């Protein structure tokens, strides 16, 4: 059991890189382009008057 723990612990950098790459792929997936552009324009919208 301890050998498995040591082996998994030695791969922490690989796990983090895969997680980061997966997040980037999910964020910049081509189908999400319109949604990303809409979200990027939120700070530039005028506030609505009550």
N, C-alpha and C. Protein backbone atom coordinates (compact mmCIF):
# COMPACT_ATOMS: atom_id res chain seq x y z
N UNK A 1 0.82 -1.20 0.00
CA UNK A 1 0.00 0.00 0.00
C UNK A 1 0.86 1.26 0.00
N UNK A 2 1.95 1.24 0.76
CA UNK A 2 2.79 2.43 0.81
C UNK A 2 3.50 2.67 -0.52
N UNK A 3 3.77 1.58 -1.28
CA UNK A 3 4.39 1.76 -2.59
C UNK A 3 3.46 2.51 -3.54
N UNK A 4 2.18 2.19 -3.46
CA UNK A 4 1.19 2.88 -4.30
C UNK A 4 1.12 4.35 -3.92
N UNK A 5 1.13 4.64 -2.65
CA UNK A 5 1.10 6.02 -2.18
C UNK A 5 2.31 6.81 -2.68
N UNK A 6 3.48 6.22 -2.59
CA UNK A 6 4.70 6.88 -3.05
C UNK A 6 4.63 7.12 -4.55
N UNK A 7 4.14 6.16 -5.29
CA UNK A 7 4.04 6.29 -6.75
C UNK A 7 3.06 7.40 -7.14
N UNK A 8 1.89 7.42 -6.49
CA UNK A 8 0.90 8.46 -6.78
C UNK A 8 1.40 9.84 -6.36
N UNK A 9 2.12 9.89 -5.25
CA UNK A 9 2.64 11.16 -4.79
C UNK A 9 3.71 11.72 -5.72
N UNK A 10 4.42 10.85 -6.40
CA UNK A 10 5.47 11.32 -7.30
C UNK A 10 4.89 11.89 -8.59
N UNK A 11 3.63 11.63 -8.86
CA UNK A 11 3.01 12.11 -10.10
C UNK A 11 2.16 13.36 -9.89
N UNK A 12 2.35 14.09 -8.81
CA UNK A 12 1.50 15.24 -8.52
C UNK A 12 1.59 16.31 -9.60
N UNK A 13 2.76 16.52 -10.15
CA UNK A 13 2.91 17.53 -11.19
C UNK A 13 2.13 17.13 -12.45
N UNK A 14 2.19 15.87 -12.81
CA UNK A 14 1.42 15.40 -13.96
C UNK A 14 -0.07 15.59 -13.74
N UNK A 15 -0.56 15.29 -12.53
CA UNK A 15 -1.99 15.48 -12.25
C UNK A 15 -2.37 16.95 -12.40
N UNK A 16 -1.55 17.84 -11.88
CA UNK A 16 -1.86 19.27 -11.97
C UNK A 16 -1.83 19.78 -13.40
N UNK A 17 -0.88 19.31 -14.19
CA UNK A 17 -0.79 19.73 -15.59
C UNK A 17 -2.01 19.24 -16.36
N UNK A 18 -2.41 18.00 -16.13
CA UNK A 18 -3.60 17.47 -16.80
C UNK A 18 -4.86 18.21 -16.39
N UNK A 19 -4.97 18.55 -15.13
CA UNK A 19 -6.12 19.32 -14.66
C UNK A 19 -6.15 20.70 -15.30
N UNK A 20 -5.00 21.35 -15.35
CA UNK A 20 -4.91 22.67 -15.96
C UNK A 20 -5.25 22.61 -17.45
N UNK A 21 -4.70 21.63 -18.16
CA UNK A 21 -4.97 21.49 -19.59
C UNK A 21 -6.45 21.20 -19.84
N UNK A 22 -7.05 20.39 -18.99
CA UNK A 22 -8.48 20.10 -19.12
C UNK A 22 -9.33 21.34 -18.91
N UNK A 23 -8.97 22.15 -17.92
CA UNK A 23 -9.72 23.38 -17.67
C UNK A 23 -9.59 24.35 -18.83
N UNK A 24 -8.39 24.49 -19.37
CA UNK A 24 -8.18 25.39 -20.51
C UNK A 24 -8.95 24.90 -21.73
N UNK A 25 -8.92 23.61 -21.98
CA UNK A 25 -9.67 23.05 -23.12
C UNK A 25 -11.16 23.28 -22.95
N UNK A 26 -11.68 23.11 -21.74
CA UNK A 26 -13.10 23.30 -21.50
C UNK A 26 -13.48 24.78 -21.68
N UNK A 27 -12.65 25.67 -21.21
CA UNK A 27 -12.94 27.10 -21.29
C UNK A 27 -12.92 27.59 -22.73
N UNK A 28 -11.92 27.18 -23.49
CA UNK A 28 -11.75 27.70 -24.85
C UNK A 28 -12.32 26.77 -25.92
N UNK A 29 -13.21 25.87 -25.57
CA UNK A 29 -13.84 24.99 -26.55
C UNK A 29 -14.60 25.86 -27.55
N UNK A 30 -14.54 25.57 -28.86
CA UNK A 30 -15.15 26.44 -29.87
C UNK A 30 -16.65 26.72 -29.64
N UNK A 31 -17.39 25.80 -29.10
CA UNK A 31 -18.82 26.03 -28.88
C UNK A 31 -19.06 27.10 -27.82
N UNK A 32 -18.09 27.35 -26.97
CA UNK A 32 -18.25 28.30 -25.88
C UNK A 32 -17.81 29.72 -26.26
N UNK A 33 -17.40 29.93 -27.50
CA UNK A 33 -16.87 31.23 -27.91
C UNK A 33 -17.88 32.36 -27.71
N UNK A 34 -19.14 32.15 -28.13
CA UNK A 34 -20.15 33.20 -27.97
C UNK A 34 -20.38 33.54 -26.50
N UNK A 35 -20.45 32.52 -25.68
CA UNK A 35 -20.65 32.74 -24.25
C UNK A 35 -19.48 33.50 -23.64
N UNK A 36 -18.26 33.15 -24.04
CA UNK A 36 -17.08 33.86 -23.52
C UNK A 36 -17.08 35.32 -23.95
N UNK A 37 -17.49 35.59 -25.18
CA UNK A 37 -17.53 36.97 -25.65
C UNK A 37 -18.60 37.77 -24.90
N UNK A 38 -19.75 37.16 -24.63
CA UNK A 38 -20.79 37.84 -23.86
C UNK A 38 -20.31 38.14 -22.44
N UNK A 39 -19.64 37.18 -21.82
CA UNK A 39 -19.14 37.38 -20.47
C UNK A 39 -18.04 38.44 -20.45
N UNK A 40 -17.24 38.51 -21.50
CA UNK A 40 -16.18 39.50 -21.57
C UNK A 40 -16.70 40.92 -21.72
N UNK A 41 -17.92 41.07 -22.22
CA UNK A 41 -18.50 42.40 -22.42
C UNK A 41 -19.25 42.92 -21.20
N UNK A 42 -19.41 42.11 -20.17
CA UNK A 42 -20.17 42.52 -18.99
C UNK A 42 -19.62 43.81 -18.36
N UNK A 43 -18.31 43.99 -18.19
CA UNK A 43 -17.84 45.23 -17.56
C UNK A 43 -18.11 46.48 -18.39
N UNK A 44 -18.33 46.33 -19.68
CA UNK A 44 -18.51 47.49 -20.56
C UNK A 44 -19.97 47.87 -20.75
N UNK A 45 -20.90 47.09 -20.21
CA UNK A 45 -22.32 47.41 -20.33
C UNK A 45 -22.65 48.57 -19.41
N UNK A 46 -23.54 49.42 -19.89
CA UNK A 46 -24.01 50.53 -19.05
C UNK A 46 -24.94 49.97 -17.98
N UNK A 47 -24.86 50.56 -16.82
CA UNK A 47 -25.77 50.15 -15.76
C UNK A 47 -27.16 50.68 -16.09
N UNK A 48 -28.14 49.84 -15.86
CA UNK A 48 -29.52 50.24 -16.15
C UNK A 48 -30.01 51.19 -15.06
N UNK A 49 -30.77 52.20 -15.46
CA UNK A 49 -31.36 53.14 -14.51
C UNK A 49 -32.58 52.47 -13.89
N UNK A 50 -32.77 52.63 -12.56
CA UNK A 50 -33.96 52.01 -11.92
C UNK A 50 -35.25 52.71 -12.27
